[in-house]
Amino acid sequence: MPKDNLKEQVEGNELDLSLSNLSVVPVKELATIPRATSLDLSCNQLSAIPDDFCKLMHLVSIDLSKNQLKQLPANFGSLRKLQHLDLYSNSLTSLPLSLCYMKQLQWLDLKDNPLTEPLKSIAGDCIDDSQCKQCAKKASLCVVTFMKNVESEEQRQKQQKLTEQRAIEDAKKAAEEKDRERKKAEKRAEKERRKKEYQLNKGDEASQGNTKQQGVLNGKMQKKTALYSLPIRTGRQKRARTILSCKALLMVLLTLITAAIVGTFGMCQYGISKDDFCEVTALLIEKYINEAKATVLEWVKGE
């Protein structure tokens, strides 16, 4: 809204913007007209009052009736020069606590607002000027006291909510800590199991290694025993065969010698040969027999 248009609507100290189809309060333009201490914004489409509206501290009277206001700014009490406040027929359910700073407030109309109890009873009906003045007086006392109680209740509920939220977070942290401890315990158990399994496998490998080594040693011993046993058995067999051969040879020699002796003896006995020949032959035979015996005995001993 142009500044010039606003200034043209000022009559004395009053600025009438009612029935202007406003949805937003022209705060910047109003700030340029400090002489307009009485402001009429009734019968518009205002659903909210901006926070910077409270900078218009020159205002003495404000008419906000028949709008769609659901709440007033928290710092609305900064308008400390305000004496007249009309909030008739809006959608207010509560009042800001800063209302207690309006020490000069003399007239207040809260009629036709969905105020919560007991604020509605404390505010009164505001049927006439007298009741509106009475409401203004109560505003700094009863209304504010009630609103403080409301704020206290809100703070209590907020604190309770925070406490419950903190309890939930603590329970969540405790559950997470318990879960971490459980996982740590599982890891320790798994590590211990693997350690035991490793030690068991290591023991089995060592046992198998010892068994294998023992088998190798046994095999070597068997081979060694076989190697040592084979020559012994062969030598004995050879010695036995040699003895048998010697015995056979000795038997042959004895047979031949016996035959020779018998033949010679026969010849000498029956006069087939001369005596000297027989005597010499007998001596030679006896000599050969003795030498043969000695040779055979030495051979046998050498074997």
Protein backbone atom coordinates (compact mmCIF):
# COMPACT_ATOMS: atom_id res chain seq x y z
CA MET A 1 0.00 0.00 0.00
CA PRO A 2 1.51 3.38 -1.03
CA LYS A 3 2.58 5.71 1.76
CA ASP A 4 0.68 8.63 0.29
CA ASN A 5 -2.60 6.69 0.40
CA LEU A 6 -2.08 5.93 4.11
CA LYS A 7 -1.29 9.50 4.97
CA GLU A 8 -4.39 10.66 3.13
CA GLN A 9 -6.52 8.39 5.34
CA VAL A 10 -5.18 9.85 8.57
CA GLU A 11 -7.65 12.09 10.36
CA GLY A 12 -6.08 13.77 13.31
CA ASN A 13 -4.36 10.95 15.15
CA GLU A 14 -6.57 8.18 13.71
CA LEU A 15 -5.83 5.91 10.75
CA ASP A 16 -8.77 3.87 9.54
CA LEU A 17 -7.84 0.80 7.46
CA SER A 18 -10.97 -1.18 8.21
CA LEU A 19 -12.78 -2.98 5.40
CA SER A 20 -9.64 -2.70 3.27
CA ASN A 21 -9.44 -6.41 2.43
CA LEU A 22 -5.99 -6.59 4.03
CA SER A 23 -4.33 -9.97 4.56
CA VAL A 24 -1.00 -8.50 5.72
CA VAL A 25 -0.40 -5.56 8.06
CA PRO A 26 1.59 -2.79 6.25
CA VAL A 27 4.04 -2.33 9.13
CA LYS A 28 6.71 -0.38 7.21
CA GLU A 29 4.20 2.16 5.93
CA LEU A 30 2.63 2.54 9.38
CA ALA A 31 6.03 3.21 10.90
CA THR A 32 6.33 6.34 8.74
CA ILE A 33 3.18 7.84 10.28
CA PRO A 34 3.97 8.17 14.00
CA ARG A 35 1.25 10.76 14.52
CA ALA A 36 -1.39 8.08 13.81
CA THR A 37 -1.61 6.74 17.37
CA SER A 38 -5.03 5.17 16.84
CA LEU A 39 -5.12 2.34 14.27
CA ASP A 40 -8.25 0.60 13.00
CA LEU A 41 -7.62 -2.72 11.22
CA SER A 42 -11.04 -4.24 11.84
CA CYS A 43 -13.03 -6.26 9.31
CA ASN A 44 -10.09 -7.45 7.24
CA GLN A 45 -8.61 -10.89 6.44
CA LEU A 46 -5.68 -10.86 8.85
CA SER A 47 -4.72 -14.33 10.13
CA ALA A 48 -1.48 -13.28 11.84
CA ILE A 49 0.29 -10.21 13.20
CA PRO A 50 4.00 -9.97 12.25
CA ASP A 51 6.58 -9.63 15.04
CA ASP A 52 7.81 -6.27 13.76
CA PHE A 53 4.31 -4.86 14.35
CA CYS A 54 5.35 -4.54 18.00
CA LYS A 55 7.86 -1.87 16.95
CA LEU A 56 4.97 0.55 16.45
CA MET A 57 5.35 1.64 20.06
CA HIS A 58 3.62 4.98 19.40
CA LEU A 59 0.22 3.26 19.14
CA VAL A 60 -2.29 4.02 21.87
CA SER A 61 -5.39 2.33 20.43
CA ILE A 62 -5.67 -0.72 18.15
CA ASP A 63 -8.81 -2.28 16.72
CA LEU A 64 -8.26 -5.80 15.38
CA SER A 65 -11.84 -6.99 15.68
CA LYS A 66 -13.49 -9.27 13.12
CA ASN A 67 -10.36 -10.79 11.62
CA GLN A 68 -9.01 -14.35 11.62
CA LEU A 69 -6.25 -14.02 14.19
CA LYS A 70 -5.27 -17.27 15.90
CA GLN A 71 -2.55 -15.81 18.10
CA LEU A 72 -0.71 -12.61 18.95
CA PRO A 73 3.08 -12.15 18.77
CA ALA A 74 4.94 -13.22 21.92
CA ASN A 75 6.37 -9.69 22.25
CA PHE A 76 2.98 -8.00 21.86
CA GLY A 77 3.43 -6.54 25.35
CA SER A 78 6.14 -4.25 23.94
CA LEU A 79 3.33 -1.85 22.96
CA ARG A 80 3.49 -0.33 26.43
CA LYS A 81 1.64 2.87 25.50
CA LEU A 82 -1.39 0.90 24.40
CA GLN A 83 -4.58 1.84 26.30
CA HIS A 84 -7.32 0.43 24.07
CA LEU A 85 -7.23 -3.07 22.47
CA ASP A 86 -10.16 -4.58 20.62
CA LEU A 87 -9.79 -8.29 19.78
CA TYR A 88 -13.48 -9.02 19.33
CA SER A 89 -14.50 -11.92 17.06
CA ASN A 90 -11.23 -13.62 16.19
CA SER A 91 -9.89 -17.17 16.67
CA LEU A 92 -7.71 -16.57 19.73
CA THR A 93 -7.39 -19.35 22.31
CA SER A 94 -4.79 -17.66 24.54
CA LEU A 95 -2.92 -14.42 25.18
CA PRO A 96 0.85 -13.77 25.25
CA LEU A 97 2.49 -13.50 28.68
CA SER A 98 4.01 -10.17 27.68
CA LEU A 99 0.53 -8.69 28.13
CA CYS A 100 1.48 -8.06 31.77
CA TYR A 101 3.83 -5.25 30.62
CA MET A 102 0.90 -3.19 29.30
CA LYS A 103 0.54 -1.17 32.47
CA GLN A 104 -1.52 1.55 30.71
CA LEU A 105 -4.06 -0.82 29.17
CA GLN A 106 -7.53 0.40 30.22
CA TRP A 107 -9.89 -1.27 27.74
CA LEU A 108 -9.84 -4.88 26.41
CA ASP A 109 -12.46 -6.79 24.46
CA LEU A 110 -11.99 -10.56 24.09
CA LYS A 111 -15.59 -11.44 23.28
CA ASP A 112 -16.36 -14.13 20.64
CA ASN A 113 -12.98 -15.84 20.80
CA PRO A 114 -12.57 -19.59 21.49
CA LEU A 115 -10.64 -18.91 24.69
CA THR A 116 -9.82 -21.89 26.86
CA GLU A 117 -11.20 -22.13 30.36
CA PRO A 118 -10.69 -20.60 32.86
CA LEU A 119 -9.27 -17.78 30.68
CA LYS A 120 -12.68 -17.27 29.11
CA SER A 121 -14.34 -16.78 32.52
CA ILE A 122 -11.57 -14.48 33.73
CA ALA A 123 -11.77 -12.33 30.60
CA GLY A 124 -15.54 -11.84 31.07
CA ASP A 125 -18.26 -11.14 28.53
CA CYS A 126 -17.29 -7.54 27.68
CA ILE A 127 -20.92 -6.70 26.95
CA ASP A 128 -20.48 -3.05 27.74
CA ASP A 129 -17.75 -0.50 28.22
CA SER A 130 -17.61 -1.14 31.95
CA GLN A 131 -16.91 -4.84 31.53
CA CYS A 132 -14.26 -4.15 28.90
CA LYS A 133 -12.52 -1.81 31.32
CA GLN A 134 -12.78 -4.47 34.01
CA CYS A 135 -11.28 -7.00 31.61
CA ALA A 136 -8.38 -4.65 30.96
CA LYS A 137 -7.70 -4.43 34.68
CA LYS A 138 -7.77 -8.18 35.01
CA ALA A 139 -5.50 -8.61 32.04
CA SER A 140 -2.41 -7.62 33.98
CA LEU A 141 -3.37 -9.82 36.92
CA CYS A 142 -5.72 -12.72 36.41
CA VAL A 143 -5.11 -13.33 32.74
CA VAL A 144 -1.36 -13.16 33.14
CA THR A 145 -1.49 -15.38 36.23
CA PHE A 146 -3.53 -17.90 34.31
CA MET A 147 -1.17 -17.76 31.37
CA LYS A 148 1.77 -18.23 33.69
CA ASN A 149 0.08 -21.33 35.02
CA VAL A 150 -0.47 -22.47 31.46
CA GLU A 151 3.17 -21.82 30.68
CA SER A 152 4.17 -23.66 33.84
CA GLU A 153 2.05 -26.61 32.76
CA GLU A 154 3.54 -26.48 29.29
CA GLN A 155 7.02 -26.39 30.78
CA ARG A 156 6.12 -29.33 33.02
CA GLN A 157 4.82 -31.31 30.08
CA LYS A 158 7.85 -30.33 28.04
CA GLN A 159 10.15 -31.41 30.87
CA GLN A 160 8.22 -34.65 31.23
CA LYS A 161 8.52 -35.23 27.51
CA LEU A 162 12.26 -34.54 27.67
CA THR A 163 12.57 -36.92 30.61
CA GLU A 164 10.69 -39.63 28.74
CA GLN A 165 12.75 -39.00 25.63
CA ARG A 166 15.95 -39.15 27.69
CA ALA A 167 14.76 -42.41 29.27
CA ILE A 168 14.10 -43.82 25.81
CA GLU A 169 17.55 -42.72 24.63
CA ASP A 170 19.16 -44.20 27.76
CA ALA A 171 17.31 -47.47 27.20
CA LYS A 172 18.41 -47.44 23.58
CA LYS A 173 22.02 -46.78 24.57
CA ALA A 174 21.84 -49.55 27.18
CA ALA A 175 20.45 -51.94 24.57
CA GLU A 176 23.19 -50.94 22.12
CA GLU A 177 25.84 -51.37 24.82
CA LYS A 178 24.40 -54.78 25.71
CA ASP A 179 24.43 -55.74 22.05
CA ARG A 180 28.06 -54.60 21.73
CA GLU A 181 29.02 -56.64 24.80
CA ARG A 182 27.21 -59.65 23.35
CA LYS A 183 29.07 -59.30 20.06
CA LYS A 184 32.37 -58.93 21.92
CA ALA A 185 31.61 -62.08 23.94
CA GLU A 186 30.76 -63.95 20.74
CA LYS A 187 34.00 -62.78 19.14
CA ARG A 188 35.99 -63.88 22.20
CA ALA A 189 34.26 -67.27 22.20
CA GLU A 190 34.89 -67.67 18.48
CA LYS A 191 38.53 -66.71 18.93
CA GLU A 192 38.90 -69.20 21.79
CA ARG A 193 37.24 -71.91 19.72
CA ARG A 194 39.56 -71.26 16.79
CA LYS A 195 42.54 -71.28 19.12
CA LYS A 196 41.54 -74.65 20.58
CA GLU A 197 40.84 -76.01 17.12
CA TYR A 198 44.25 -74.80 15.94
CA GLN A 199 45.98 -76.39 18.91
CA LEU A 200 44.05 -79.64 18.35
CA ASN A 201 44.96 -79.71 14.65
CA LYS A 202 48.55 -78.91 15.51
CA GLY A 203 48.62 -81.82 17.99
CA ASP A 204 47.11 -84.16 15.40
CA GLU A 205 49.67 -83.05 12.82
CA ALA A 206 52.48 -83.60 15.32
CA SER A 207 51.10 -87.04 16.17
CA GLN A 208 50.78 -87.92 12.51
CA GLY A 209 54.29 -86.62 11.92
CA ASN A 210 55.65 -88.77 14.74
CA THR A 211 53.75 -91.79 13.44
CA LYS A 212 55.04 -91.16 9.94
CA GLN A 213 58.57 -90.65 11.23
CA GLN A 214 58.29 -93.80 13.33
CA GLY A 215 57.06 -95.67 10.25
CA VAL A 216 60.02 -94.39 8.26
CA LEU A 217 62.39 -95.44 11.04
CA ASN A 218 60.74 -98.83 11.28
CA GLY A 219 61.05 -99.22 7.51
CA LYS A 220 64.70 -98.29 7.66
CA MET A 221 65.25 -100.71 10.54
CA GLN A 222 63.49 -103.46 8.61
CA LYS A 223 65.61 -102.77 5.56
CA LYS A 224 68.74 -102.68 7.70
CA THR A 225 67.72 -105.87 9.45
CA ALA A 226 67.04 -107.46 6.10
CA LEU A 227 70.40 -106.31 4.82
CA TYR A 228 72.15 -107.68 7.89
CA SER A 229 70.11 -110.85 7.95
CA LEU A 230 70.61 -111.68 4.29
CA PRO A 231 74.41 -112.05 4.39
CA ILE A 232 74.21 -114.11 7.58
CA ARG A 233 71.70 -116.49 6.11
CA THR A 234 73.73 -116.68 2.90
CA GLY A 235 76.98 -117.30 4.78
CA ARG A 236 75.45 -120.06 6.84
CA GLN A 237 74.00 -121.68 3.77
CA LYS A 238 77.34 -121.36 2.01
CA ARG A 239 79.15 -122.77 5.04
CA ALA A 240 76.71 -125.65 5.20
CA ARG A 241 77.13 -126.35 1.50
CA THR A 242 80.92 -126.14 1.91
CA ILE A 243 80.84 -128.61 4.79
CA LEU A 244 78.68 -130.95 2.75
CA SER A 245 81.08 -130.61 -0.17
CA CYS A 246 84.03 -131.29 2.10
CA LYS A 247 82.31 -134.31 3.54
CA ALA A 248 81.54 -135.61 0.07
CA LEU A 249 85.11 -134.99 -1.07
CA LEU A 250 86.43 -136.65 2.05
CA MET A 251 84.20 -139.64 1.44
CA VAL A 252 85.46 -139.87 -2.13
CA LEU A 253 89.07 -139.66 -0.99
CA LEU A 254 88.49 -142.19 1.73
CA THR A 255 86.82 -144.46 -0.78
CA LEU A 256 89.72 -144.15 -3.22
CA ILE A 257 92.29 -144.58 -0.48
CA THR A 258 90.41 -147.57 0.87
CA ALA A 259 90.26 -149.06 -2.60
CA ALA A 260 93.98 -148.45 -3.09
CA ILE A 261 94.81 -149.95 0.28
CA VAL A 262 92.65 -152.96 -0.36
CA GLY A 263 94.17 -153.42 -3.80
CA THR A 264 97.69 -153.03 -2.59
CA PHE A 265 97.04 -155.23 0.36
CA GLY A 266 95.64 -157.87 -1.89
CA MET A 267 98.57 -157.72 -4.20
CA CYS A 268 101.01 -157.91 -1.36
CA GLN A 269 99.08 -160.62 0.40
CA TYR A 270 98.79 -162.92 -2.56
CA GLY A 271 102.27 -162.29 -3.84
CA ILE A 272 101.29 -160.35 -6.85
CA SER A 273 104.06 -157.79 -6.22
CA LYS A 274 107.33 -157.70 -4.50
CA ASP A 275 107.75 -156.95 -0.78
CA ASP A 276 109.63 -153.70 -1.20
CA PHE A 277 107.02 -152.33 -3.49
CA CYS A 278 104.28 -153.17 -1.06
CA GLU A 279 106.13 -151.63 1.82
CA VAL A 280 106.85 -148.42 -0.05
CA THR A 281 103.34 -148.25 -1.37
CA ALA A 282 101.89 -148.67 2.12
CA LEU A 283 104.07 -145.87 3.43
CA LEU A 284 103.08 -143.54 0.62
CA ILE A 285 99.41 -144.34 1.07
CA GLU A 286 99.67 -143.65 4.78
CA LYS A 287 101.46 -140.36 4.07
CA TYR A 288 98.86 -139.23 1.55
CA ILE A 289 96.08 -140.16 3.89
CA ASN A 290 97.58 -138.07 6.69
CA GLU A 291 98.19 -135.10 4.38
CA ALA A 292 94.67 -135.37 3.02
CA LYS A 293 93.26 -135.38 6.51
CA ALA A 294 95.33 -132.34 7.53
CA THR A 295 94.34 -130.43 4.38
CA VAL A 296 90.67 -131.17 4.82
CA LEU A 297 90.79 -130.13 8.50
CA GLU A 298 92.58 -126.86 7.73
CA TRP A 299 90.08 -126.07 4.96
CA VAL A 300 87.17 -126.77 7.22
CA LYS A 301 88.63 -124.57 9.97
CA GLY A 302 89.34 -121.78 7.47
CA GLU A 303 85.70 -121.82 6.32
